[in-house]
Amino acid sequence: MKRERVRWIFITFLFCATLVIWVFVFDREAKKGVLTVAFFDVGQGDAIFIETPNGTQVLIDSGPNNKVLREIGKQMPFYDRSIDLIITSHPDMDHIGGLPSVLSRFSVENIMIPGVGADTSIYREMLSRAEEKNIEILYARRGRIYLDQENEIYLDVLFPDRATTGFEKNLASVVVKLVYGETTFLFTGDSPASIENYLISVDEDILDVDVLKLGHHGSKTSTSEQFLGYTTPTYAIISAGKDNSYGHPHGSVLALLKQFEIKYLETAKEGTIIFESIGAEPFVRRL
C-alpha cells in the first residue's frame, strides 16, 4: 500500500514537472519575435512592464502600492520569479510605493535610479531590501542598454546626463526610449516642460516615437505643444487614477492631443493597456 502511494506521488510529480516544461515551451514559442509593453492600471501612479522576445523583463516604476503585483502576475507565468531590471524614474510614492513588495516577491538583478533620493520610509525600505538581496544599484546616465541583442532591442537613456544630487525630484526623472526595429516608445516619468525643452535641444532628431507616455500623468506642467511637435506619437498614454484629486489629465493637455490628432488612452478608463510589436508598427493587443 505504501509502495503504491509512493508510486502515485512520483507519477503526479512527473506529470506536474512535464506540464511546467511544456507551459514554458509554449509560452516562449507564442512570444517568438514579439515585444510586449504593458502600461499597468495601478491607480494614481506609473508602472510599465516590458518583455522582449528573448525573455528579458524590465519594470519601469511600480505604482503607489502593491497592486502592481497583481498586474505583474497577469503578464508573467506563475513559475517566473525574476525581473532583469527595474528602473525607478524618480522616488515619489506614486512611482516607488509598490517596489518593496516587488523586491520581496521577485529576484531582481539590477535597479536603476536617477540619483536624487527622498527622505521617506518607502525609499529607505527600497534601498534596504535591495541591499539585503544583493541587488546592484545603477545610477542612470545617458547611454544605451541592450535588452535583446539578437533582435536589436534596446533602451536609450536620454536623461539624466549628469549627476542629479540636489535636483527637484521631477526634474531628475529618468527618461528612456525603447527601440525595436521601427517601433519606438518614450517613457518620461514626471519630467516637466523644462526637461522636455532640454531634450529637444539635444535630441530633436531621435524624439519621434510611436508611443509616448505623457509626463506627470497628463499634468499641465508637462507635454508642451513643442514637445508633441517633435515626438509626433501615434498613441499617447496617460497613467492616472480615476477621479483623482489632482485633475489629471489636465484639459489643456487633452486639447493639445486633439489638436495634433494623437490617439490617447487612459489607464483610468481602459485599465491596463498592452502593446505588442514584431518590430514594425505597434498595435494594441488588449485594453
C-alpha atoms as a PDB file:
ATOM      1  CA  MET A   1       0.000   0.000   0.000  1.00  0.00           C
ATOM      2  CA  LYS A   2       2.794   2.363   0.951  1.00  0.00           C
ATOM      3  CA  ARG A   3       4.724   1.489  -2.204  1.00  0.00           C
ATOM      4  CA  GLU A   4       1.616   2.165  -4.318  1.00  0.00           C
ATOM      5  CA  ARG A   5       1.188   5.569  -2.684  1.00  0.00           C
ATOM      6  CA  VAL A   6       4.822   6.480  -3.357  1.00  0.00           C
ATOM      7  CA  ARG A   7       4.386   5.435  -6.975  1.00  0.00           C
ATOM      8  CA  TRP A   8       1.366   7.714  -7.426  1.00  0.00           C
ATOM      9  CA  ILE A   9       3.158  10.607  -5.759  1.00  0.00           C
ATOM     10  CA  PHE A  10       6.060  10.122  -8.162  1.00  0.00           C
ATOM     11  CA  ILE A  11       3.731   9.942 -11.180  1.00  0.00           C
ATOM     12  CA  THR A  12       1.927  13.103 -10.053  1.00  0.00           C
ATOM     13  CA  PHE A  13       5.231  14.925  -9.575  1.00  0.00           C
ATOM     14  CA  LEU A  14       6.434  13.792 -13.002  1.00  0.00           C
ATOM     15  CA  PHE A  15       3.191  14.959 -14.616  1.00  0.00           C
ATOM     16  CA  CYS A  16       3.394  18.389 -12.957  1.00  0.00           C
ATOM     17  CA  ALA A  17       7.051  18.802 -13.918  1.00  0.00           C
ATOM     18  CA  THR A  18       6.281  17.880 -17.524  1.00  0.00           C
ATOM     19  CA  LEU A  19       3.351  20.301 -17.559  1.00  0.00           C
ATOM     20  CA  VAL A  20       5.546  23.164 -16.335  1.00  0.00           C
ATOM     21  CA  ILE A  21       8.126  22.408 -19.028  1.00  0.00           C
ATOM     22  CA  TRP A  22       5.504  22.398 -21.782  1.00  0.00           C
ATOM     23  CA  VAL A  23       3.929  25.603 -20.477  1.00  0.00           C
ATOM     24  CA  PHE A  24       7.373  27.212 -20.631  1.00  0.00           C
ATOM     25  CA  VAL A  25       7.974  25.938 -24.179  1.00  0.00           C
ATOM     26  CA  PHE A  26       4.583  27.088 -25.484  1.00  0.00           C
ATOM     27  CA  ASP A  27       4.918  30.456 -23.713  1.00  0.00           C
ATOM     28  CA  ARG A  28       8.305  31.118 -25.337  1.00  0.00           C
ATOM     29  CA  GLU A  29       7.035  29.958 -28.752  1.00  0.00           C
ATOM     30  CA  ALA A  30       3.956  32.202 -28.525  1.00  0.00           C
ATOM     31  CA  LYS A  31       6.159  35.220 -27.785  1.00  0.00           C
ATOM     32  CA  LYS A  32       8.689  34.493 -30.518  1.00  0.00           C
ATOM     33  CA  GLY A  33       9.719  37.806 -32.074  1.00  0.00           C
ATOM     34  CA  VAL A  34       7.136  39.743 -30.038  1.00  0.00           C
ATOM     35  CA  LEU A  35       7.917  42.736 -27.839  1.00  0.00           C
ATOM     36  CA  THR A  36       5.301  43.395 -25.149  1.00  0.00           C
ATOM     37  CA  VAL A  37       4.863  46.726 -23.367  1.00  0.00           C
ATOM     38  CA  ALA A  38       2.148  46.945 -20.707  1.00  0.00           C
ATOM     39  CA  PHE A  39       1.079  50.176 -19.047  1.00  0.00           C
ATOM     40  CA  PHE A  40      -0.370  48.875 -15.803  1.00  0.00           C
ATOM     41  CA  ASP A  41      -3.510  50.244 -14.225  1.00  0.00           C
ATOM     42  CA  VAL A  42      -2.201  50.941 -10.722  1.00  0.00           C
ATOM     43  CA  GLY A  43      -4.384  53.923  -9.876  1.00  0.00           C
ATOM     44  CA  GLN A  44      -2.691  57.293  -9.449  1.00  0.00           C
ATOM     45  CA  GLY A  45       0.833  56.359 -10.442  1.00  0.00           C
ATOM     46  CA  ASP A  46       3.071  54.772 -13.057  1.00  0.00           C
ATOM     47  CA  ALA A  47       4.101  51.164 -13.643  1.00  0.00           C
ATOM     48  CA  ILE A  48       5.252  49.871 -17.023  1.00  0.00           C
ATOM     49  CA  PHE A  49       6.286  46.306 -17.867  1.00  0.00           C
ATOM     50  CA  ILE A  50       8.477  45.404 -20.833  1.00  0.00           C
ATOM     51  CA  GLU A  51       9.225  41.892 -22.095  1.00  0.00           C
ATOM     52  CA  THR A  52      11.422  41.237 -25.111  1.00  0.00           C
ATOM     53  CA  PRO A  53      11.306  38.166 -27.383  1.00  0.00           C
ATOM     54  CA  ASN A  54      14.315  36.639 -25.586  1.00  0.00           C
ATOM     55  CA  GLY A  55      12.518  36.881 -22.238  1.00  0.00           C
ATOM     56  CA  THR A  56      14.274  39.936 -20.785  1.00  0.00           C
ATOM     57  CA  GLN A  57      11.886  41.703 -18.411  1.00  0.00           C
ATOM     58  CA  VAL A  58      12.015  45.324 -17.289  1.00  0.00           C
ATOM     59  CA  LEU A  59       9.758  47.164 -14.857  1.00  0.00           C
ATOM     60  CA  ILE A  60       9.690  50.957 -15.036  1.00  0.00           C
ATOM     61  CA  ASP A  61       8.235  52.264 -11.761  1.00  0.00           C
ATOM     62  CA  SER A  62       5.920  50.303  -9.510  1.00  0.00           C
ATOM     63  CA  GLY A  63       2.907  52.472  -8.741  1.00  0.00           C
ATOM     64  CA  PRO A  64       1.776  53.676  -5.295  1.00  0.00           C
ATOM     65  CA  ASN A  65       1.213  50.299  -3.617  1.00  0.00           C
ATOM     66  CA  ASN A  66       1.364  46.516  -4.034  1.00  0.00           C
ATOM     67  CA  LYS A  67      -1.398  46.493  -6.656  1.00  0.00           C
ATOM     68  CA  VAL A  68       1.473  46.227  -9.111  1.00  0.00           C
ATOM     69  CA  LEU A  69       1.991  42.598  -8.010  1.00  0.00           C
ATOM     70  CA  ARG A  70      -1.415  41.620  -9.346  1.00  0.00           C
ATOM     71  CA  GLU A  71      -0.681  43.280 -12.674  1.00  0.00           C
ATOM     72  CA  ILE A  72       2.738  41.653 -12.969  1.00  0.00           C
ATOM     73  CA  GLY A  73       1.084  38.305 -12.238  1.00  0.00           C
ATOM     74  CA  LYS A  74      -1.150  38.759 -15.278  1.00  0.00           C
ATOM     75  CA  GLN A  75       1.867  39.203 -17.559  1.00  0.00           C
ATOM     76  CA  MET A  76       4.373  36.748 -16.114  1.00  0.00           C
ATOM     77  CA  PRO A  77       3.801  32.977 -15.882  1.00  0.00           C
ATOM     78  CA  PHE A  78       3.400  31.556 -12.375  1.00  0.00           C
ATOM     79  CA  TYR A  79       6.811  29.882 -12.411  1.00  0.00           C
ATOM     80  CA  ASP A  80       8.681  33.091 -13.313  1.00  0.00           C
ATOM     81  CA  ARG A  81      10.042  34.818 -10.222  1.00  0.00           C
ATOM     82  CA  SER A  82      12.762  37.039 -11.682  1.00  0.00           C
ATOM     83  CA  ILE A  83      12.965  40.511 -13.216  1.00  0.00           C
ATOM     84  CA  ASP A  84      16.120  41.609 -15.006  1.00  0.00           C
ATOM     85  CA  LEU A  85      15.943  45.358 -14.479  1.00  0.00           C
ATOM     86  CA  ILE A  86      13.812  47.787 -12.508  1.00  0.00           C
ATOM     87  CA  ILE A  87      14.011  51.474 -13.394  1.00  0.00           C
ATOM     88  CA  THR A  88      12.690  53.992 -10.888  1.00  0.00           C
ATOM     89  CA  SER A  89      12.077  57.203 -12.784  1.00  0.00           C
ATOM     90  CA  HIS A  90      12.200  59.174  -9.522  1.00  0.00           C
ATOM     91  CA  PRO A  91      11.475  58.468  -5.842  1.00  0.00           C
ATOM     92  CA  ASP A  92       7.926  59.803  -5.447  1.00  0.00           C
ATOM     93  CA  MET A  93       5.484  57.486  -3.682  1.00  0.00           C
ATOM     94  CA  ASP A  94       3.278  57.037  -6.762  1.00  0.00           C
ATOM     95  CA  HIS A  95       6.284  55.634  -8.628  1.00  0.00           C
ATOM     96  CA  ILE A  96       8.059  53.509  -5.989  1.00  0.00           C
ATOM     97  CA  GLY A  97       5.303  52.628  -3.495  1.00  0.00           C
ATOM     98  CA  GLY A  98       4.998  49.060  -4.775  1.00  0.00           C
ATOM     99  CA  LEU A  99       8.724  48.438  -5.083  1.00  0.00           C
ATOM    100  CA  PRO A 100       9.386  46.883  -1.643  1.00  0.00           C
ATOM    101  CA  SER A 101       6.673  44.295  -2.369  1.00  0.00           C
ATOM    102  CA  VAL A 102       8.175  43.574  -5.789  1.00  0.00           C
ATOM    103  CA  LEU A 103      11.634  43.126  -4.271  1.00  0.00           C
ATOM    104  CA  SER A 104      10.204  40.722  -1.689  1.00  0.00           C
ATOM    105  CA  ARG A 105       8.403  38.616  -4.289  1.00  0.00           C
ATOM    106  CA  PHE A 106      10.909  38.564  -7.152  1.00  0.00           C
ATOM    107  CA  SER A 107      14.591  38.046  -7.711  1.00  0.00           C
ATOM    108  CA  VAL A 108      15.837  41.289  -9.281  1.00  0.00           C
ATOM    109  CA  GLU A 109      19.214  41.665 -10.957  1.00  0.00           C
ATOM    110  CA  ASN A 110      19.563  45.462 -11.153  1.00  0.00           C
ATOM    111  CA  ILE A 111      17.758  48.623 -10.055  1.00  0.00           C
ATOM    112  CA  MET A 112      18.398  51.869 -11.905  1.00  0.00           C
ATOM    113  CA  ILE A 113      17.750  55.105 -10.011  1.00  0.00           C
ATOM    114  CA  PRO A 114      18.109  58.754 -11.052  1.00  0.00           C
ATOM    115  CA  GLY A 115      20.495  59.643  -8.237  1.00  0.00           C
ATOM    116  CA  VAL A 116      18.222  62.038  -6.393  1.00  0.00           C
ATOM    117  CA  GLY A 117      16.943  60.492  -3.164  1.00  0.00           C
ATOM    118  CA  ALA A 118      13.988  61.008  -0.839  1.00  0.00           C
ATOM    119  CA  ASP A 119      13.767  61.216   2.928  1.00  0.00           C
ATOM    120  CA  THR A 120      10.840  58.815   3.108  1.00  0.00           C
ATOM    121  CA  SER A 121      10.312  55.442   4.740  1.00  0.00           C
ATOM    122  CA  ILE A 122       9.389  53.796   1.430  1.00  0.00           C
ATOM    123  CA  TYR A 123      12.626  54.973  -0.219  1.00  0.00           C
ATOM    124  CA  ARG A 124      14.711  53.760   2.707  1.00  0.00           C
ATOM    125  CA  GLU A 125      12.875  50.421   2.629  1.00  0.00           C
ATOM    126  CA  MET A 126      13.589  50.088  -1.083  1.00  0.00           C
ATOM    127  CA  LEU A 127      17.321  50.614  -0.542  1.00  0.00           C
ATOM    128  CA  SER A 128      17.343  48.309   2.476  1.00  0.00           C
ATOM    129  CA  ARG A 129      15.690  45.417   0.619  1.00  0.00           C
ATOM    130  CA  ALA A 130      17.983  45.914  -2.344  1.00  0.00           C
ATOM    131  CA  GLU A 131      20.978  45.641  -0.032  1.00  0.00           C
ATOM    132  CA  GLU A 132      19.568  42.560   1.718  1.00  0.00           C
ATOM    133  CA  LYS A 133      19.117  40.775  -1.618  1.00  0.00           C
ATOM    134  CA  ASN A 134      22.438  41.938  -3.084  1.00  0.00           C
ATOM    135  CA  ILE A 135      20.746  43.793  -5.931  1.00  0.00           C
ATOM    136  CA  GLU A 136      23.093  46.056  -7.838  1.00  0.00           C
ATOM    137  CA  ILE A 137      22.089  49.734  -7.803  1.00  0.00           C
ATOM    138  CA  LEU A 138      22.840  51.579 -11.042  1.00  0.00           C
ATOM    139  CA  TYR A 139      22.777  55.355 -11.398  1.00  0.00           C
ATOM    140  CA  ALA A 140      21.021  56.396 -14.582  1.00  0.00           C
ATOM    141  CA  ARG A 141      23.233  58.141 -17.105  1.00  0.00           C
ATOM    142  CA  ARG A 142      22.854  58.857 -20.766  1.00  0.00           C
ATOM    143  CA  GLY A 143      23.670  55.783 -22.823  1.00  0.00           C
ATOM    144  CA  ARG A 144      22.357  52.574 -24.397  1.00  0.00           C
ATOM    145  CA  ILE A 145      21.245  49.373 -22.686  1.00  0.00           C
ATOM    146  CA  TYR A 146      20.738  46.308 -24.876  1.00  0.00           C
ATOM    147  CA  LEU A 147      17.817  44.178 -23.709  1.00  0.00           C
ATOM    148  CA  ASP A 148      17.822  41.693 -26.589  1.00  0.00           C
ATOM    149  CA  GLN A 149      20.877  41.796 -28.848  1.00  0.00           C
ATOM    150  CA  GLU A 150      19.621  39.096 -31.203  1.00  0.00           C
ATOM    151  CA  ASN A 151      16.544  41.186 -32.031  1.00  0.00           C
ATOM    152  CA  GLU A 152      18.307  44.570 -31.676  1.00  0.00           C
ATOM    153  CA  ILE A 153      16.044  45.783 -28.868  1.00  0.00           C
ATOM    154  CA  TYR A 154      17.483  48.446 -26.615  1.00  0.00           C
ATOM    155  CA  LEU A 155      16.763  51.276 -24.211  1.00  0.00           C
ATOM    156  CA  ASP A 156      18.381  54.652 -24.749  1.00  0.00           C
ATOM    157  CA  VAL A 157      18.662  56.605 -21.513  1.00  0.00           C
ATOM    158  CA  LEU A 158      18.223  60.216 -22.622  1.00  0.00           C
ATOM    159  CA  PHE A 159      18.174  61.811 -19.181  1.00  0.00           C
ATOM    160  CA  PRO A 160      19.765  62.333 -16.726  1.00  0.00           C
ATOM    161  CA  ASP A 161      23.043  63.070 -18.452  1.00  0.00           C
ATOM    162  CA  ARG A 162      24.690  64.347 -15.274  1.00  0.00           C
ATOM    163  CA  ALA A 163      24.638  63.931 -11.507  1.00  0.00           C
ATOM    164  CA  THR A 164      21.216  64.892 -10.139  1.00  0.00           C
ATOM    165  CA  THR A 165      22.128  65.442  -6.491  1.00  0.00           C
ATOM    166  CA  GLY A 166      20.124  68.418  -5.274  1.00  0.00           C
ATOM    167  CA  PHE A 167      17.654  68.300  -8.173  1.00  0.00           C
ATOM    168  CA  GLU A 168      13.931  68.580  -7.512  1.00  0.00           C
ATOM    169  CA  LYS A 169      12.637  65.017  -7.920  1.00  0.00           C
ATOM    170  CA  ASN A 170      10.525  65.534 -11.039  1.00  0.00           C
ATOM    171  CA  LEU A 171      13.382  67.369 -12.747  1.00  0.00           C
ATOM    172  CA  ALA A 172      15.596  64.322 -12.166  1.00  0.00           C
ATOM    173  CA  SER A 173      13.155  61.857 -13.774  1.00  0.00           C
ATOM    174  CA  VAL A 174      14.786  59.133 -15.838  1.00  0.00           C
ATOM    175  CA  VAL A 175      13.719  59.439 -19.483  1.00  0.00           C
ATOM    176  CA  VAL A 176      14.198  56.348 -21.663  1.00  0.00           C
ATOM    177  CA  LYS A 177      13.420  55.484 -25.256  1.00  0.00           C
ATOM    178  CA  LEU A 178      12.670  51.866 -26.191  1.00  0.00           C
ATOM    179  CA  VAL A 179      13.565  50.808 -29.730  1.00  0.00           C
ATOM    180  CA  TYR A 180      12.711  47.603 -31.616  1.00  0.00           C
ATOM    181  CA  GLY A 181      13.097  47.920 -35.385  1.00  0.00           C
ATOM    182  CA  GLU A 182      10.619  50.569 -36.481  1.00  0.00           C
ATOM    183  CA  THR A 183       8.807  50.505 -33.126  1.00  0.00           C
ATOM    184  CA  THR A 184       9.618  53.214 -30.588  1.00  0.00           C
ATOM    185  CA  PHE A 185       8.327  54.157 -27.137  1.00  0.00           C
ATOM    186  CA  LEU A 186       9.269  57.135 -24.956  1.00  0.00           C
ATOM    187  CA  PHE A 187       8.849  56.965 -21.170  1.00  0.00           C
ATOM    188  CA  THR A 188       9.199  60.326 -19.432  1.00  0.00           C
ATOM    189  CA  GLY A 189       8.433  59.779 -15.745  1.00  0.00           C
ATOM    190  CA  ASP A 190       7.243  63.084 -14.276  1.00  0.00           C
ATOM    191  CA  SER A 191       9.544  65.242 -16.402  1.00  0.00           C
ATOM    192  CA  PRO A 192       8.269  68.831 -16.652  1.00  0.00           C
ATOM    193  CA  ALA A 193       8.282  71.033 -19.752  1.00  0.00           C
ATOM    194  CA  SER A 194      11.734  72.413 -18.922  1.00  0.00           C
ATOM    195  CA  ILE A 195      13.257  68.940 -19.301  1.00  0.00           C
ATOM    196  CA  GLU A 196      11.210  68.353 -22.456  1.00  0.00           C
ATOM    197  CA  ASN A 197      12.730  71.545 -23.885  1.00  0.00           C
ATOM    198  CA  TYR A 198      16.205  70.373 -22.922  1.00  0.00           C
ATOM    199  CA  LEU A 199      15.631  67.043 -24.671  1.00  0.00           C
ATOM    200  CA  ILE A 200      14.544  68.906 -27.794  1.00  0.00           C
ATOM    201  CA  SER A 201      17.774  70.907 -27.707  1.00  0.00           C
ATOM    202  CA  VAL A 202      19.996  67.798 -27.547  1.00  0.00           C
ATOM    203  CA  ASP A 203      17.866  65.033 -29.103  1.00  0.00           C
ATOM    204  CA  GLU A 204      15.492  66.610 -31.601  1.00  0.00           C
ATOM    205  CA  ASP A 205      16.432  64.068 -34.291  1.00  0.00           C
ATOM    206  CA  ILE A 206      15.537  60.993 -32.208  1.00  0.00           C
ATOM    207  CA  LEU A 207      12.422  62.114 -30.313  1.00  0.00           C
ATOM    208  CA  ASP A 208       9.940  60.986 -32.972  1.00  0.00           C
ATOM    209  CA  VAL A 209       8.168  57.935 -31.469  1.00  0.00           C
ATOM    210  CA  ASP A 210       5.138  55.711 -31.932  1.00  0.00           C
ATOM    211  CA  VAL A 211       4.016  55.712 -28.300  1.00  0.00           C
ATOM    212  CA  LEU A 212       4.572  58.483 -25.747  1.00  0.00           C
ATOM    213  CA  LYS A 213       3.936  58.027 -22.035  1.00  0.00           C
ATOM    214  CA  LEU A 214       2.856  61.536 -21.073  1.00  0.00           C
ATOM    215  CA  GLY A 215       4.858  63.188 -18.325  1.00  0.00           C
ATOM    216  CA  HIS A 216       3.410  63.615 -14.831  1.00  0.00           C
ATOM    217  CA  HIS A 217       0.151  61.751 -15.509  1.00  0.00           C
ATOM    218  CA  GLY A 218      -1.080  64.310 -18.031  1.00  0.00           C
ATOM    219  CA  SER A 219      -0.426  67.312 -15.807  1.00  0.00           C
ATOM    220  CA  LYS A 220      -0.304  70.760 -17.420  1.00  0.00           C
ATOM    221  CA  THR A 221       3.309  71.077 -16.190  1.00  0.00           C
ATOM    222  CA  SER A 222       4.355  68.566 -18.875  1.00  0.00           C
ATOM    223  CA  THR A 223       3.559  67.756 -22.520  1.00  0.00           C
ATOM    224  CA  SER A 224       4.180  71.092 -24.180  1.00  0.00           C
ATOM    225  CA  GLU A 225       2.984  71.873 -27.685  1.00  0.00           C
ATOM    226  CA  GLN A 226       6.605  71.989 -28.842  1.00  0.00           C
ATOM    227  CA  PHE A 227       7.351  68.562 -27.355  1.00  0.00           C
ATOM    228  CA  LEU A 228       4.374  66.977 -29.104  1.00  0.00           C
ATOM    229  CA  GLY A 229       5.563  68.594 -32.326  1.00  0.00           C
ATOM    230  CA  TYR A 230       8.889  66.771 -32.054  1.00  0.00           C
ATOM    231  CA  THR A 231       7.657  63.439 -30.691  1.00  0.00           C
ATOM    232  CA  THR A 232       4.610  63.153 -33.023  1.00  0.00           C
ATOM    233  CA  PRO A 233       3.312  59.967 -31.363  1.00  0.00           C
ATOM    234  CA  THR A 234       0.549  57.838 -32.821  1.00  0.00           C
ATOM    235  CA  TYR A 235      -0.517  56.981 -29.270  1.00  0.00           C
ATOM    236  CA  ALA A 236      -0.239  58.921 -26.026  1.00  0.00           C
ATOM    237  CA  ILE A 237      -0.634  57.055 -22.747  1.00  0.00           C
ATOM    238  CA  ILE A 238      -1.981  58.747 -19.633  1.00  0.00           C
ATOM    239  CA  SER A 239      -1.363  56.809 -16.427  1.00  0.00           C
ATOM    240  CA  ALA A 240      -3.557  58.303 -13.714  1.00  0.00           C
ATOM    241  CA  GLY A 241      -6.166  57.269 -11.175  1.00  0.00           C
ATOM    242  CA  LYS A 242      -9.884  57.505 -11.788  1.00  0.00           C
ATOM    243  CA  ASP A 243     -11.414  60.712 -10.359  1.00  0.00           C
ATOM    244  CA  ASN A 244      -8.050  61.675  -8.859  1.00  0.00           C
ATOM    245  CA  SER A 245      -7.788  64.816  -6.743  1.00  0.00           C
ATOM    246  CA  TYR A 246      -5.060  66.335  -8.961  1.00  0.00           C
ATOM    247  CA  GLY A 247      -7.249  66.844 -12.001  1.00  0.00           C
ATOM    248  CA  HIS A 248      -5.075  64.579 -14.177  1.00  0.00           C
ATOM    249  CA  PRO A 249      -5.149  64.639 -17.123  1.00  0.00           C
ATOM    250  CA  HIS A 250      -5.467  68.403 -17.479  1.00  0.00           C
ATOM    251  CA  GLY A 251      -7.926  69.736 -20.046  1.00  0.00           C
ATOM    252  CA  SER A 252      -5.250  71.793 -21.794  1.00  0.00           C
ATOM    253  CA  VAL A 253      -3.174  68.658 -22.408  1.00  0.00           C
ATOM    254  CA  LEU A 254      -6.154  66.787 -23.843  1.00  0.00           C
ATOM    255  CA  ALA A 255      -6.862  69.769 -26.091  1.00  0.00           C
ATOM    256  CA  LEU A 256      -3.291  69.632 -27.412  1.00  0.00           C
ATOM    257  CA  LEU A 257      -3.594  65.906 -28.115  1.00  0.00           C
ATOM    258  CA  LYS A 258      -6.763  66.545 -30.091  1.00  0.00           C
ATOM    259  CA  GLN A 259      -5.092  69.429 -31.920  1.00  0.00           C
ATOM    260  CA  PHE A 260      -2.278  67.099 -33.025  1.00  0.00           C
ATOM    261  CA  GLU A 261      -4.779  64.300 -33.759  1.00  0.00           C
ATOM    262  CA  ILE A 262      -2.998  61.956 -31.368  1.00  0.00           C
ATOM    263  CA  LYS A 263      -4.924  58.948 -30.080  1.00  0.00           C
ATOM    264  CA  TYR A 264      -4.769  58.937 -26.310  1.00  0.00           C
ATOM    265  CA  LEU A 265      -5.524  56.099 -23.930  1.00  0.00           C
ATOM    266  CA  GLU A 266      -6.050  56.458 -20.186  1.00  0.00           C
ATOM    267  CA  THR A 267      -5.449  53.665 -17.684  1.00  0.00           C
ATOM    268  CA  ALA A 268      -8.233  55.173 -15.562  1.00  0.00           C
ATOM    269  CA  LYS A 269     -10.719  54.404 -18.339  1.00  0.00           C
ATOM    270  CA  GLU A 270      -9.190  51.454 -20.191  1.00  0.00           C
ATOM    271  CA  GLY A 271      -7.433  49.590 -17.392  1.00  0.00           C
ATOM    272  CA  THR A 272      -4.062  48.073 -18.240  1.00  0.00           C
ATOM    273  CA  ILE A 273      -3.034  48.968 -21.799  1.00  0.00           C
ATOM    274  CA  ILE A 274      -0.898  46.441 -23.678  1.00  0.00           C
ATOM    275  CA  PHE A 275       1.061  46.969 -26.878  1.00  0.00           C
ATOM    276  CA  GLU A 276       2.743  44.279 -28.932  1.00  0.00           C
ATOM    277  CA  SER A 277       5.181  44.631 -31.798  1.00  0.00           C
ATOM    278  CA  ILE A 278       7.264  42.431 -34.071  1.00  0.00           C
ATOM    279  CA  GLY A 279       9.477  45.398 -34.926  1.00  0.00           C
ATOM    280  CA  ALA A 280       7.008  47.122 -37.214  1.00  0.00           C
ATOM    281  CA  GLU A 281       4.196  49.469 -36.190  1.00  0.00           C
ATOM    282  CA  PRO A 282       2.980  48.515 -32.688  1.00  0.00           C
ATOM    283  CA  PHE A 283      -0.612  47.562 -32.087  1.00  0.00           C
ATOM    284  CA  VAL A 284      -2.791  47.464 -29.008  1.00  0.00           C
ATOM    285  CA  ARG A 285      -3.344  43.837 -28.071  1.00  0.00           C
ATOM    286  CA  ARG A 286      -5.817  44.305 -25.288  1.00  0.00           C
ATOM    287  CA  LEU A 287      -7.388  47.110 -23.313  1.00  0.00           C
END
